[in-house]
């Protein structure tokens, strides 16, 4: 792998793991090249950097590779954390999201893939959402009145769950969670990280991950 002047992020726009990595990189103001991946045709350069073949993958100058989304978030925020996300953390809650909730989400969203009844897993996911709703009722965000690392790490997965059957989701008694989700989806930060780009191929001109502060001034 040839060294890069800027970090390179291999990403897939709709992947919740990639979303949360982009949220942290963007809020931290980290300058990096964005390479959108087509999952059915993963670029050889990404597979050389991380043979497990999942996004996100962040390749740092010197070919140091970070290929776990939470590690990317913490790396970016350790360098610059203007909104102090790291001061508001809850590793246990994030682990619950990444474990039991993600397990239920996959089977609710893709029941044919797992040959299961999606209604069972929808109820399992709903139990986690009720827990989140109670947390949000106390302060508006997951660790108090101001958003932190758990909010950014979890909201992409809640977004994906809500989108499976939006009509059903909107009928659930989750007022605080719906307000929290809507707030993130309407934010400048979320709009910035959801920029649409063409799939990267070798030789393309670099596309930089959008800078939130430059976007807000335009």
C-alpha atoms as a PDB file:
ATOM      1  CA  UNK A   1       0.000   0.000   0.000  1.00  0.00           C
ATOM      2  CA  UNK A   2       1.335   3.437  -0.915  1.00  0.00           C
ATOM      3  CA  UNK A   3       1.299   6.054   1.861  1.00  0.00           C
ATOM      4  CA  UNK A   4      -1.318   8.814   1.710  1.00  0.00           C
ATOM      5  CA  UNK A   5      -0.990  12.487   2.572  1.00  0.00           C
ATOM      6  CA  UNK A   6      -4.410  12.398   4.263  1.00  0.00           C
ATOM      7  CA  UNK A   7      -6.150   9.538   6.034  1.00  0.00           C
ATOM      8  CA  UNK A   8      -8.345   7.523   3.674  1.00  0.00           C
ATOM      9  CA  UNK A   9     -11.786   6.361   4.781  1.00  0.00           C
ATOM     10  CA  UNK A  10     -13.417   3.465   2.952  1.00  0.00           C
ATOM     11  CA  UNK A  11     -17.116   3.850   3.629  1.00  0.00           C
ATOM     12  CA  UNK A  12     -20.599   2.859   2.495  1.00  0.00           C
ATOM     13  CA  UNK A  13     -23.138   5.639   2.766  1.00  0.00           C
ATOM     14  CA  UNK A  14     -26.007   3.670   4.327  1.00  0.00           C
ATOM     15  CA  UNK A  15     -23.978   1.409   6.641  1.00  0.00           C
ATOM     16  CA  UNK A  16     -24.636   2.424  10.274  1.00  0.00           C
ATOM     17  CA  UNK A  17     -21.094   1.526  11.316  1.00  0.00           C
ATOM     18  CA  UNK A  18     -19.698   3.758   8.586  1.00  0.00           C
ATOM     19  CA  UNK A  19     -22.177   6.505   9.495  1.00  0.00           C
ATOM     20  CA  UNK A  20     -20.989   6.721  13.054  1.00  0.00           C
ATOM     21  CA  UNK A  21     -17.366   6.796  11.969  1.00  0.00           C
ATOM     22  CA  UNK A  22     -18.163   9.669   9.593  1.00  0.00           C
ATOM     23  CA  UNK A  23     -20.054  11.487  12.364  1.00  0.00           C
ATOM     24  CA  UNK A  24     -16.986  11.479  14.611  1.00  0.00           C
ATOM     25  CA  UNK A  25     -14.525  12.301  11.834  1.00  0.00           C
ATOM     26  CA  UNK A  26     -16.708  15.188  10.671  1.00  0.00           C
ATOM     27  CA  UNK A  27     -17.446  16.686  14.088  1.00  0.00           C
ATOM     28  CA  UNK A  28     -13.741  16.478  14.943  1.00  0.00           C
ATOM     29  CA  UNK A  29     -12.828  18.313  11.751  1.00  0.00           C
ATOM     30  CA  UNK A  30     -10.517  15.503  10.640  1.00  0.00           C
ATOM     31  CA  UNK A  31      -9.380  15.978   7.060  1.00  0.00           C
ATOM     32  CA  UNK A  32      -9.587  12.699   5.180  1.00  0.00           C
ATOM     33  CA  UNK A  33     -10.241  11.290   1.745  1.00  0.00           C
ATOM     34  CA  UNK A  34     -13.645   9.623   1.385  1.00  0.00           C
ATOM     35  CA  UNK A  35     -13.826   6.504  -0.764  1.00  0.00           C
ATOM     36  CA  UNK A  36     -17.351   5.196  -1.249  1.00  0.00           C
ATOM     37  CA  UNK A  37     -17.406   1.411  -1.592  1.00  0.00           C
ATOM     38  CA  UNK A  38     -19.701  -0.848  -3.571  1.00  0.00           C
ATOM     39  CA  UNK A  39     -20.127  -3.814  -1.235  1.00  0.00           C
ATOM     40  CA  UNK A  40     -20.570  -6.330  -4.042  1.00  0.00           C
ATOM     41  CA  UNK A  41     -17.308  -5.154  -5.649  1.00  0.00           C
ATOM     42  CA  UNK A  42     -14.992  -4.160  -2.823  1.00  0.00           C
ATOM     43  CA  UNK A  43     -11.841  -2.413  -3.987  1.00  0.00           C
ATOM     44  CA  UNK A  44      -8.606  -4.355  -3.805  1.00  0.00           C
ATOM     45  CA  UNK A  45      -6.950  -1.476  -1.941  1.00  0.00           C
ATOM     46  CA  UNK A  46      -9.504  -1.737   0.869  1.00  0.00           C
ATOM     47  CA  UNK A  47      -9.120  -5.517   1.104  1.00  0.00           C
ATOM     48  CA  UNK A  48      -5.344  -5.141   1.191  1.00  0.00           C
ATOM     49  CA  UNK A  49      -5.702  -2.742   4.114  1.00  0.00           C
ATOM     50  CA  UNK A  50      -8.323  -4.828   5.942  1.00  0.00           C
ATOM     51  CA  UNK A  51      -8.857  -8.380   4.667  1.00  0.00           C
ATOM     52  CA  UNK A  52     -12.057  -8.822   6.707  1.00  0.00           C
ATOM     53  CA  UNK A  53     -13.740  -6.706   4.018  1.00  0.00           C
ATOM     54  CA  UNK A  54     -16.160  -4.646   6.095  1.00  0.00           C
ATOM     55  CA  UNK A  55     -16.558  -0.878   6.299  1.00  0.00           C
ATOM     56  CA  UNK A  56     -15.491   1.469   7.695  1.00  0.00           C
ATOM     57  CA  UNK A  57     -11.753   1.199   7.172  1.00  0.00           C
ATOM     58  CA  UNK A  58      -9.516   4.156   7.968  1.00  0.00           C
ATOM     59  CA  UNK A  59      -5.997   4.072   6.517  1.00  0.00           C
ATOM     60  CA  UNK A  60      -3.678   6.564   8.187  1.00  0.00           C
ATOM     61  CA  UNK A  61      -0.427   7.939   6.753  1.00  0.00           C
ATOM     62  CA  UNK A  62       2.204   5.245   7.135  1.00  0.00           C
ATOM     63  CA  UNK A  63      -0.430   2.588   6.350  1.00  0.00           C
ATOM     64  CA  UNK A  64      -1.669   2.298   9.919  1.00  0.00           C
ATOM     65  CA  UNK A  65      -5.159   0.791   9.652  1.00  0.00           C
ATOM     66  CA  UNK A  66      -8.149   1.246  11.961  1.00  0.00           C
ATOM     67  CA  UNK A  67     -11.006  -0.998  10.868  1.00  0.00           C
ATOM     68  CA  UNK A  68     -13.466  -0.921  13.764  1.00  0.00           C
ATOM     69  CA  UNK A  69     -15.998   1.912  13.775  1.00  0.00           C
ATOM     70  CA  UNK A  70     -15.771   2.698  17.494  1.00  0.00           C
ATOM     71  CA  UNK A  71     -11.972   2.751  17.304  1.00  0.00           C
ATOM     72  CA  UNK A  72     -12.212   5.248  14.438  1.00  0.00           C
ATOM     73  CA  UNK A  73     -14.585   7.408  16.489  1.00  0.00           C
ATOM     74  CA  UNK A  74     -12.322   7.392  19.521  1.00  0.00           C
ATOM     75  CA  UNK A  75      -9.203   8.036  17.431  1.00  0.00           C
ATOM     76  CA  UNK A  76     -10.771  11.083  15.773  1.00  0.00           C
ATOM     77  CA  UNK A  77     -12.182  12.485  19.002  1.00  0.00           C
ATOM     78  CA  UNK A  78      -8.942  11.910  20.896  1.00  0.00           C
ATOM     79  CA  UNK A  79      -7.281  14.264  18.403  1.00  0.00           C
ATOM     80  CA  UNK A  80     -10.028  16.907  18.486  1.00  0.00           C
ATOM     81  CA  UNK A  81     -13.297  16.792  20.400  1.00  0.00           C
ATOM     82  CA  UNK A  82     -14.879  20.257  20.101  1.00  0.00           C
ATOM     83  CA  UNK A  83     -18.275  19.116  21.427  1.00  0.00           C
ATOM     84  CA  UNK A  84     -16.716  16.976  24.205  1.00  0.00           C
ATOM     85  CA  UNK A  85     -18.391  13.749  23.110  1.00  0.00           C
ATOM     86  CA  UNK A  86     -15.823  11.665  24.979  1.00  0.00           C
ATOM     87  CA  UNK A  87     -16.834  13.264  28.284  1.00  0.00           C
ATOM     88  CA  UNK A  88     -20.316  11.806  27.785  1.00  0.00           C
ATOM     89  CA  UNK A  89     -19.785   8.107  27.263  1.00  0.00           C
ATOM     90  CA  UNK A  90     -21.489   4.839  28.169  1.00  0.00           C
ATOM     91  CA  UNK A  91     -19.586   1.818  26.823  1.00  0.00           C
ATOM     92  CA  UNK A  92     -22.143  -0.612  28.266  1.00  0.00           C
ATOM     93  CA  UNK A  93     -25.023   1.023  26.408  1.00  0.00           C
ATOM     94  CA  UNK A  94     -23.057   1.033  23.154  1.00  0.00           C
ATOM     95  CA  UNK A  95     -22.216  -2.647  23.681  1.00  0.00           C
ATOM     96  CA  UNK A  96     -25.912  -3.428  24.157  1.00  0.00           C
ATOM     97  CA  UNK A  97     -26.664  -1.632  20.890  1.00  0.00           C
ATOM     98  CA  UNK A  98     -23.893  -3.433  19.034  1.00  0.00           C
ATOM     99  CA  UNK A  99     -24.817  -6.805  20.532  1.00  0.00           C
ATOM    100  CA  UNK A 100     -28.418  -7.730  21.278  1.00  0.00           C
ATOM    101  CA  UNK A 101     -30.049  -4.820  19.440  1.00  0.00           C
ATOM    102  CA  UNK A 102     -27.999  -5.273  16.252  1.00  0.00           C
ATOM    103  CA  UNK A 103     -28.738  -9.016  16.360  1.00  0.00           C
ATOM    104  CA  UNK A 104     -32.478  -8.315  16.526  1.00  0.00           C
ATOM    105  CA  UNK A 105     -32.245  -5.546  13.922  1.00  0.00           C
ATOM    106  CA  UNK A 106     -30.600  -7.811  11.353  1.00  0.00           C
ATOM    107  CA  UNK A 107     -33.293 -10.451  11.744  1.00  0.00           C
ATOM    108  CA  UNK A 108     -36.104  -7.909  11.686  1.00  0.00           C
ATOM    109  CA  UNK A 109     -34.743  -6.220   8.553  1.00  0.00           C
ATOM    110  CA  UNK A 110     -33.638  -9.381   6.714  1.00  0.00           C
ATOM    111  CA  UNK A 111     -35.932 -12.233   7.847  1.00  0.00           C
ATOM    112  CA  UNK A 112     -35.471 -14.138   4.560  1.00  0.00           C
ATOM    113  CA  UNK A 113     -31.713 -14.234   5.091  1.00  0.00           C
ATOM    114  CA  UNK A 114     -32.109 -15.797   8.536  1.00  0.00           C
ATOM    115  CA  UNK A 115     -35.365 -17.741   7.943  1.00  0.00           C
ATOM    116  CA  UNK A 116     -37.049 -16.217  11.001  1.00  0.00           C
ATOM    117  CA  UNK A 117     -40.290 -14.488  11.960  1.00  0.00           C
ATOM    118  CA  UNK A 118     -39.421 -10.761  11.884  1.00  0.00           C
ATOM    119  CA  UNK A 119     -42.145  -9.907  14.404  1.00  0.00           C
ATOM    120  CA  UNK A 120     -40.274 -11.742  17.160  1.00  0.00           C
ATOM    121  CA  UNK A 121     -37.117  -9.745  16.551  1.00  0.00           C
ATOM    122  CA  UNK A 122     -39.024  -6.506  16.120  1.00  0.00           C
ATOM    123  CA  UNK A 123     -40.285  -6.980  19.675  1.00  0.00           C
ATOM    124  CA  UNK A 124     -36.771  -7.693  20.912  1.00  0.00           C
ATOM    125  CA  UNK A 125     -35.539  -4.514  19.275  1.00  0.00           C
ATOM    126  CA  UNK A 126     -38.460  -2.581  20.678  1.00  0.00           C
ATOM    127  CA  UNK A 127     -37.403  -3.519  24.215  1.00  0.00           C
ATOM    128  CA  UNK A 128     -34.075  -1.743  23.647  1.00  0.00           C
ATOM    129  CA  UNK A 129     -35.820   1.274  22.129  1.00  0.00           C
ATOM    130  CA  UNK A 130     -38.054   1.546  25.203  1.00  0.00           C
ATOM    131  CA  UNK A 131     -34.940   1.577  27.365  1.00  0.00           C
ATOM    132  CA  UNK A 132     -33.484   4.334  25.179  1.00  0.00           C
ATOM    133  CA  UNK A 133     -36.739   6.290  25.369  1.00  0.00           C
ATOM    134  CA  UNK A 134     -36.587   6.224  29.178  1.00  0.00           C
ATOM    135  CA  UNK A 135     -32.985   7.461  29.105  1.00  0.00           C
ATOM    136  CA  UNK A 136     -33.919  10.285  26.772  1.00  0.00           C
ATOM    137  CA  UNK A 137     -36.905  11.275  28.915  1.00  0.00           C
ATOM    138  CA  UNK A 138     -34.499  12.227  31.709  1.00  0.00           C
ATOM    139  CA  UNK A 139     -32.279  14.613  29.779  1.00  0.00           C
ATOM    140  CA  UNK A 140     -33.018  14.713  26.076  1.00  0.00           C
ATOM    141  CA  UNK A 141     -29.809  12.901  25.120  1.00  0.00           C
ATOM    142  CA  UNK A 142     -28.409   9.565  26.242  1.00  0.00           C
ATOM    143  CA  UNK A 143     -25.969  10.946  28.805  1.00  0.00           C
ATOM    144  CA  UNK A 144     -27.746  14.126  29.868  1.00  0.00           C
ATOM    145  CA  UNK A 145     -28.924  17.286  28.126  1.00  0.00           C
ATOM    146  CA  UNK A 146     -26.070  17.355  25.571  1.00  0.00           C
ATOM    147  CA  UNK A 147     -25.222  14.738  22.979  1.00  0.00           C
ATOM    148  CA  UNK A 148     -22.148  12.578  23.351  1.00  0.00           C
ATOM    149  CA  UNK A 149     -20.411   9.535  21.958  1.00  0.00           C
ATOM    150  CA  UNK A 150     -23.280   7.084  22.671  1.00  0.00           C
ATOM    151  CA  UNK A 151     -25.794   9.242  20.781  1.00  0.00           C
ATOM    152  CA  UNK A 152     -23.635   9.316  17.665  1.00  0.00           C
ATOM    153  CA  UNK A 153     -22.745   5.628  17.969  1.00  0.00           C
ATOM    154  CA  UNK A 154     -26.353   4.450  18.375  1.00  0.00           C
ATOM    155  CA  UNK A 155     -28.501   6.795  16.280  1.00  0.00           C
ATOM    156  CA  UNK A 156     -27.570   5.242  12.889  1.00  0.00           C
ATOM    157  CA  UNK A 157     -28.854   1.862  14.084  1.00  0.00           C
ATOM    158  CA  UNK A 158     -32.101   3.322  15.416  1.00  0.00           C
ATOM    159  CA  UNK A 159     -32.518   5.066  12.058  1.00  0.00           C
ATOM    160  CA  UNK A 160     -32.183   1.741  10.289  1.00  0.00           C
ATOM    161  CA  UNK A 161     -34.659   0.025  12.634  1.00  0.00           C
ATOM    162  CA  UNK A 162     -37.227   2.817  12.189  1.00  0.00           C
ATOM    163  CA  UNK A 163     -36.978   2.634   8.405  1.00  0.00           C
ATOM    164  CA  UNK A 164     -37.978  -1.037   8.168  1.00  0.00           C
ATOM    165  CA  UNK A 165     -41.640  -0.186   8.833  1.00  0.00           C
ATOM    166  CA  UNK A 166     -41.972   3.529   9.471  1.00  0.00           C
ATOM    167  CA  UNK A 167     -45.743   3.401   9.919  1.00  0.00           C
ATOM    168  CA  UNK A 168     -45.450   0.801  12.692  1.00  0.00           C
ATOM    169  CA  UNK A 169     -42.530   2.660  14.280  1.00  0.00           C
ATOM    170  CA  UNK A 170     -44.418   5.953  14.392  1.00  0.00           C
ATOM    171  CA  UNK A 171     -47.298   4.277  16.233  1.00  0.00           C
ATOM    172  CA  UNK A 172     -45.106   3.095  19.102  1.00  0.00           C
ATOM    173  CA  UNK A 173     -45.177   5.050  22.401  1.00  0.00           C
ATOM    174  CA  UNK A 174     -41.598   6.307  22.039  1.00  0.00           C
ATOM    175  CA  UNK A 175     -42.002  10.102  21.985  1.00  0.00           C
ATOM    176  CA  UNK A 176     -38.578  10.978  23.352  1.00  0.00           C
ATOM    177  CA  UNK A 177     -36.780   8.571  21.038  1.00  0.00           C
ATOM    178  CA  UNK A 178     -38.641   9.854  17.975  1.00  0.00           C
ATOM    179  CA  UNK A 179     -37.784  13.463  18.852  1.00  0.00           C
ATOM    180  CA  UNK A 180     -34.134  12.504  19.404  1.00  0.00           C
ATOM    181  CA  UNK A 181     -33.951  10.604  16.127  1.00  0.00           C
ATOM    182  CA  UNK A 182     -35.662  13.384  14.168  1.00  0.00           C
ATOM    183  CA  UNK A 183     -33.313  15.952  15.650  1.00  0.00           C
ATOM    184  CA  UNK A 184     -30.241  14.058  14.518  1.00  0.00           C
ATOM    185  CA  UNK A 185     -31.587  13.304  11.061  1.00  0.00           C
ATOM    186  CA  UNK A 186     -32.419  17.002  10.519  1.00  0.00           C
ATOM    187  CA  UNK A 187     -29.082  18.270  11.827  1.00  0.00           C
ATOM    188  CA  UNK A 188     -26.388  19.898   9.704  1.00  0.00           C
ATOM    189  CA  UNK A 189     -23.973  17.232  10.947  1.00  0.00           C
ATOM    190  CA  UNK A 190     -26.093  14.353   9.676  1.00  0.00           C
ATOM    191  CA  UNK A 191     -26.776  16.057   6.360  1.00  0.00           C
ATOM    192  CA  UNK A 192     -23.053  16.594   5.959  1.00  0.00           C
ATOM    193  CA  UNK A 193     -22.085  12.968   6.534  1.00  0.00           C
ATOM    194  CA  UNK A 194     -24.805  11.681   4.182  1.00  0.00           C
ATOM    195  CA  UNK A 195     -23.338  13.340   1.091  1.00  0.00           C
ATOM    196  CA  UNK A 196     -23.771  11.200  -2.031  1.00  0.00           C
ATOM    197  CA  UNK A 197     -20.620  10.312  -3.929  1.00  0.00           C
ATOM    198  CA  UNK A 198     -19.872   7.893  -6.745  1.00  0.00           C
ATOM    199  CA  UNK A 199     -18.198   4.598  -5.954  1.00  0.00           C
ATOM    200  CA  UNK A 200     -14.436   5.039  -5.816  1.00  0.00           C
ATOM    201  CA  UNK A 201     -12.173   3.462  -8.401  1.00  0.00           C
ATOM    202  CA  UNK A 202      -8.357   3.655  -8.549  1.00  0.00           C
ATOM    203  CA  UNK A 203      -7.199   6.786 -10.310  1.00  0.00           C
ATOM    204  CA  UNK A 204     -10.162   8.924  -9.271  1.00  0.00           C
ATOM    205  CA  UNK A 205      -9.426  12.415  -8.020  1.00  0.00           C
ATOM    206  CA  UNK A 206      -9.612  12.508  -4.208  1.00  0.00           C
ATOM    207  CA  UNK A 207     -12.964  13.407  -2.650  1.00  0.00           C
ATOM    208  CA  UNK A 208     -12.585  14.878   0.821  1.00  0.00           C
ATOM    209  CA  UNK A 209     -15.006  14.104   3.613  1.00  0.00           C
ATOM    210  CA  UNK A 210     -17.076  17.310   3.864  1.00  0.00           C
ATOM    211  CA  UNK A 211     -16.042  19.767   6.548  1.00  0.00           C
ATOM    212  CA  UNK A 212     -18.990  20.708   8.743  1.00  0.00           C
ATOM    213  CA  UNK A 213     -17.663  24.137   9.627  1.00  0.00           C
ATOM    214  CA  UNK A 214     -16.928  25.103   6.025  1.00  0.00           C
ATOM    215  CA  UNK A 215     -20.385  23.838   5.003  1.00  0.00           C
ATOM    216  CA  UNK A 216     -22.097  25.878   7.728  1.00  0.00           C
ATOM    217  CA  UNK A 217     -20.353  29.059   6.531  1.00  0.00           C
ATOM    218  CA  UNK A 218     -21.352  28.552   2.890  1.00  0.00           C
END
